[in-house]
C-alpha cells in the first residue's frame, strides 16, 4: 500500500506512540482522523501539526467503553474522511493488577478498550471498505505470563489471537497484523530512569523509541504480502521469560 492519499483512523492517536504513528502516516501523505478520549489539547495540537505537513487531519472523541461508542467513532471518522483505508487500534489502558486483586470492574475497564473495542472497530471497518489494512497494537508481554498485570495481559493476548483470526476472516481484501512494542515511554509522572529500572533485560541493549514503533507500523502497511503476523519491536525482550 502506498500511503499517499490514503485515509486512516488512529485510536489513542493524540499522545505517545499514537502520536508518532499519526506523524508517520502524515509524512507518508495519508489523511488522519485522530481519536482521543481525554487528550483534547494534544489532539488539537497534533491536528495543526499534521495539516502543516500538507494532509487533512481531524479529531474525534470517544471513550471506547461500549459498542455504541465504537460505532459512533467509526461513523464519525467516515463522516470526516469518507471511507477510509487504514485502521490502527492503538488506544489502550494499562494497570498493574494481580489475579486476586482484579475485580470485575477492573477486568471490564481493561478488556473494553484493549480488546472489545478493537474487535468492534475491525468489524465496522470491514463494513465500510472491501480493501484496507488493520494494525493492532499489542505488547511484547503476549509471549509471557506476567502475573503482575493479569487483566491487561489477557486483553492483549486475546487481541493477538483475534489479529490472526481476523487476518483469515477478512482476506483477501483486508490484511490484519499486530505490532508488539517493548518498554518505550515511562508512565505519566515518571522519568526516563523508570524505564531503565523496570524494563528488564533487553538482549540488543537498545532503547525502543516511538519512532521505531511507527516505522514497524509503516512496514506492515506498505507490504501487501503480510497478514496475520506480529512484529515485535522490543530489542528481543519477548525471547525471555519476563
Protein backbone atom coordinates (compact mmCIF):
# COMPACT_ATOMS: atom_id res chain seq x y z
CA UNK A 1 0.00 0.00 0.00
CA UNK A 2 1.23 3.44 -0.93
CA UNK A 3 0.27 5.72 1.97
CA UNK A 4 -0.07 8.81 -0.20
CA UNK A 5 -3.72 9.79 -0.49
CA UNK A 6 -4.91 7.09 1.90
CA UNK A 7 -7.15 7.78 4.89
CA UNK A 8 -6.52 6.44 8.39
CA UNK A 9 -8.15 6.28 11.81
CA UNK A 10 -5.74 6.01 14.74
CA UNK A 11 -7.25 5.33 18.16
CA UNK A 12 -5.39 6.95 21.03
CA UNK A 13 -3.61 8.97 18.38
CA UNK A 14 -3.06 12.21 20.28
CA UNK A 15 -0.20 11.18 22.56
CA UNK A 16 2.78 8.89 22.99
CA UNK A 17 3.05 6.02 20.46
CA UNK A 18 -0.21 7.01 18.80
CA UNK A 19 1.14 10.46 18.07
CA UNK A 20 4.26 9.02 16.42
CA UNK A 21 2.06 6.78 14.27
CA UNK A 22 -0.07 9.74 13.17
CA UNK A 23 3.05 11.71 12.27
CA UNK A 24 4.39 8.76 10.27
CA UNK A 25 1.13 8.45 8.34
CA UNK A 26 1.08 12.16 7.56
CA UNK A 27 4.70 12.06 6.45
CA UNK A 28 3.67 9.30 4.04
CA UNK A 29 0.90 11.50 2.64
CA UNK A 30 -2.09 9.94 4.41
CA UNK A 31 -5.02 11.90 5.83
CA UNK A 32 -5.61 11.09 9.50
CA UNK A 33 -8.51 11.02 11.95
CA UNK A 34 -7.01 11.33 15.43
CA UNK A 35 -9.11 9.62 18.09
CA UNK A 36 -8.76 10.79 21.68
CA UNK A 37 -10.54 10.21 24.98
CA UNK A 38 -9.18 12.86 27.36
CA UNK A 39 -6.28 14.40 25.43
CA UNK A 40 -8.23 17.15 23.66
CA UNK A 41 -5.49 19.77 23.75
CA UNK A 42 -2.87 17.32 22.48
CA UNK A 43 -5.22 16.17 19.71
CA UNK A 44 -5.79 19.77 18.57
CA UNK A 45 -2.06 20.48 18.61
CA UNK A 46 -1.33 17.36 16.59
CA UNK A 47 -4.08 18.20 14.11
CA UNK A 48 -2.44 21.57 13.44
CA UNK A 49 0.96 19.95 13.08
CA UNK A 50 -0.26 17.33 10.59
CA UNK A 51 -2.06 19.92 8.49
CA UNK A 52 1.21 21.85 8.19
CA UNK A 53 2.60 18.71 6.55
CA UNK A 54 0.04 19.06 3.76
CA UNK A 55 -2.55 16.44 4.71
CA UNK A 56 -6.07 16.55 6.10
CA UNK A 57 -6.36 15.91 9.83
CA UNK A 58 -9.44 15.64 12.03
CA UNK A 59 -10.05 14.82 15.68
CA UNK A 60 -12.78 12.59 17.13
CA UNK A 61 -13.59 11.93 20.80
CA UNK A 62 -14.81 8.58 22.16
CA UNK A 63 -14.33 6.60 25.37
CA UNK A 64 -14.36 3.16 23.64
CA UNK A 65 -16.10 1.53 26.59
CA UNK A 66 -19.28 0.49 24.81
CA UNK A 67 -20.32 -0.91 21.46
CA UNK A 68 -22.30 2.26 20.81
CA UNK A 69 -19.22 4.43 21.39
CA UNK A 70 -17.21 2.33 18.92
CA UNK A 71 -19.95 2.55 16.30
CA UNK A 72 -20.26 6.30 16.74
CA UNK A 73 -16.49 6.76 16.42
CA UNK A 74 -16.40 4.78 13.19
CA UNK A 75 -19.36 6.71 11.80
CA UNK A 76 -17.72 9.99 12.78
CA UNK A 77 -14.44 9.03 11.11
CA UNK A 78 -16.25 8.12 7.88
CA UNK A 79 -18.18 11.39 8.00
CA UNK A 80 -14.93 13.35 8.41
CA UNK A 81 -12.73 11.45 5.96
CA UNK A 82 -15.06 9.43 3.79
CA UNK A 83 -14.50 5.66 3.58
CA UNK A 84 -11.00 5.03 4.90
CA UNK A 85 -8.24 2.57 4.19
CA UNK A 86 -6.31 2.10 7.43
CA UNK A 87 -7.34 1.33 11.00
CA UNK A 88 -4.73 1.48 13.76
CA UNK A 89 -6.08 0.08 17.05
CA UNK A 90 -3.63 1.81 19.34
CA UNK A 91 -5.71 3.06 22.31
CA UNK A 92 -5.02 1.06 25.45
CA UNK A 93 -5.41 1.06 29.22
CA UNK A 94 -2.73 -0.40 31.49
CA UNK A 95 -2.96 -1.12 35.20
CA UNK A 96 -1.00 -3.48 37.39
CA UNK A 97 -3.44 -5.90 38.98
CA UNK A 98 -2.81 -9.50 40.02
CA UNK A 99 -5.41 -12.23 39.58
CA UNK A 100 -6.55 -11.81 43.19
CA UNK A 101 -6.55 -8.00 43.11
CA UNK A 102 -8.59 -7.51 39.94
CA UNK A 103 -12.35 -7.31 40.43
CA UNK A 104 -14.84 -7.32 37.54
CA UNK A 105 -14.76 -3.54 37.20
CA UNK A 106 -11.01 -3.73 36.64
CA UNK A 107 -11.43 -6.56 34.15
CA UNK A 108 -14.03 -4.70 32.11
CA UNK A 109 -12.08 -1.46 32.41
CA UNK A 110 -9.19 -3.13 30.58
CA UNK A 111 -10.99 -5.61 28.34
CA UNK A 112 -13.19 -2.99 26.71
CA UNK A 113 -10.60 -0.53 25.39
CA UNK A 114 -7.87 -3.15 24.88
CA UNK A 115 -9.89 -5.98 23.29
CA UNK A 116 -13.61 -5.48 22.74
CA UNK A 117 -13.21 -2.03 21.16
CA UNK A 118 -10.59 -3.16 18.61
CA UNK A 119 -12.84 -6.08 17.68
CA UNK A 120 -15.84 -3.81 17.20
CA UNK A 121 -13.81 -1.31 15.22
CA UNK A 122 -12.39 -4.02 12.95
CA UNK A 123 -15.90 -5.27 12.22
CA UNK A 124 -17.15 -1.78 11.41
CA UNK A 125 -14.03 -1.05 9.36
CA UNK A 126 -14.68 -4.10 7.18
CA UNK A 127 -18.23 -2.89 6.52
CA UNK A 128 -17.09 0.45 5.11
CA UNK A 129 -14.33 -0.87 2.83
CA UNK A 130 -13.55 -4.05 0.94
CA UNK A 131 -9.82 -3.34 0.78
CA UNK A 132 -7.63 -1.99 3.54
CA UNK A 133 -5.20 -2.54 6.40
CA UNK A 134 -5.65 -3.07 10.14
CA UNK A 135 -2.80 -2.88 12.65
CA UNK A 136 -3.48 -3.88 16.24
CA UNK A 137 -1.02 -2.60 18.82
CA UNK A 138 -0.11 -5.41 21.21
CA UNK A 139 2.63 -5.77 23.84
CA UNK A 140 5.82 -7.80 23.95
CA UNK A 141 4.40 -9.47 27.10
CA UNK A 142 1.98 -11.55 24.98
CA UNK A 143 4.66 -14.27 24.91
CA UNK A 144 4.96 -14.30 28.71
CA UNK A 145 2.96 -14.99 31.86
CA UNK A 146 3.36 -11.69 33.70
CA UNK A 147 1.28 -12.21 36.84
CA UNK A 148 1.59 -8.55 37.88
CA UNK A 149 -0.82 -7.21 35.22
CA UNK A 150 -3.28 -10.02 34.54
CA UNK A 151 -6.33 -8.23 33.04
CA UNK A 152 -4.11 -6.13 30.79
CA UNK A 153 -2.07 -9.08 29.60
CA UNK A 154 -5.13 -11.26 28.97
CA UNK A 155 -6.69 -8.45 26.92
CA UNK A 156 -3.56 -8.21 24.75
CA UNK A 157 -3.24 -11.98 24.38
CA UNK A 158 -6.87 -12.11 23.24
CA UNK A 159 -6.23 -9.31 20.75
CA UNK A 160 -3.21 -11.21 19.42
CA UNK A 161 -5.44 -14.23 18.70
CA UNK A 162 -8.13 -12.09 17.07
CA UNK A 163 -5.43 -10.50 14.91
CA UNK A 164 -4.67 -13.90 13.40
CA UNK A 165 -8.32 -14.88 13.13
CA UNK A 166 -9.17 -11.54 11.54
CA UNK A 167 -6.36 -11.99 9.02
CA UNK A 168 -8.03 -15.18 7.79
CA UNK A 169 -11.57 -13.91 8.04
CA UNK A 170 -11.06 -10.62 6.18
CA UNK A 171 -8.68 -11.90 3.50
CA UNK A 172 -8.10 -11.28 0.67
CA UNK A 173 -9.18 -7.64 0.76
CA UNK A 174 -8.12 -6.63 4.26
CA UNK A 175 -4.86 -7.53 6.00
CA UNK A 176 -4.66 -7.64 9.79
CA UNK A 177 -1.33 -7.52 11.61
CA UNK A 178 0.00 -6.72 15.06
CA UNK A 179 2.91 -4.66 16.32
CA UNK A 180 4.14 -5.51 19.83
CA UNK A 181 6.28 -2.83 21.49
CA UNK A 182 8.57 -3.33 24.42
CA UNK A 183 9.18 -0.65 27.04
CA UNK A 184 9.08 2.63 25.14
CA UNK A 185 8.00 5.52 27.34
CA UNK A 186 7.76 5.84 31.12
CA UNK A 187 4.29 6.10 32.68
CA UNK A 188 2.94 9.62 33.23
CA UNK A 189 4.73 11.20 36.16
CA UNK A 190 7.82 9.00 35.82
CA UNK A 191 11.16 9.93 34.25
CA UNK A 192 13.43 8.03 31.85
CA UNK A 193 15.21 6.31 34.75
CA UNK A 194 11.98 4.43 35.42
CA UNK A 195 12.39 2.61 32.11
CA UNK A 196 15.99 1.73 32.91
CA UNK A 197 15.00 0.39 36.34
CA UNK A 198 11.85 -1.51 35.33
CA UNK A 199 12.13 -2.57 31.69
CA UNK A 200 14.12 -5.71 32.41
CA UNK A 201 16.91 -7.22 30.29
CA UNK A 202 16.98 -6.26 26.59
CA UNK A 203 19.14 -8.63 24.50
CA UNK A 204 20.08 -5.95 21.96
CA UNK A 205 20.72 -3.42 24.74
CA UNK A 206 18.88 -0.67 22.87
CA UNK A 207 16.11 1.72 23.83
CA UNK A 208 12.98 1.44 21.72
CA UNK A 209 11.50 4.78 20.64
CA UNK A 210 8.02 5.75 19.42
CA UNK A 211 9.60 6.36 16.01
CA UNK A 212 10.78 2.73 15.97
CA UNK A 213 7.21 1.58 16.63
CA UNK A 214 5.81 3.85 13.93
CA UNK A 215 8.41 2.53 11.49
CA UNK A 216 7.24 -1.04 12.14
CA UNK A 217 3.63 0.01 11.58
CA UNK A 218 4.62 1.60 8.29
CA UNK A 219 6.41 -1.60 7.26
CA UNK A 220 3.33 -3.80 7.64
CA UNK A 221 1.12 -1.19 5.98
CA UNK A 222 3.32 -0.87 2.92
CA UNK A 223 3.95 -4.59 2.44
CA UNK A 224 0.97 -6.19 0.70
CA UNK A 225 2.15 -9.77 1.29
CA UNK A 226 1.97 -9.74 5.10
CA UNK A 227 -1.07 -10.65 7.19
CA UNK A 228 -1.65 -12.42 10.49
CA UNK A 229 1.82 -11.51 11.74
CA UNK A 230 3.04 -9.93 14.97
CA UNK A 231 6.13 -7.73 14.67
CA UNK A 232 7.94 -7.40 17.99
CA UNK A 233 9.77 -4.10 18.44
CA UNK A 234 11.43 -4.68 21.79
CA UNK A 235 15.14 -5.32 21.33
CA UNK A 236 14.46 -9.03 21.74
CA UNK A 237 12.74 -8.91 25.15
CA UNK A 238 9.94 -11.25 24.05
CA UNK A 239 12.54 -14.02 23.74
CA UNK A 240 12.94 -14.09 27.52
CA UNK A 241 10.56 -15.15 30.27
CA UNK A 242 9.66 -11.83 31.91
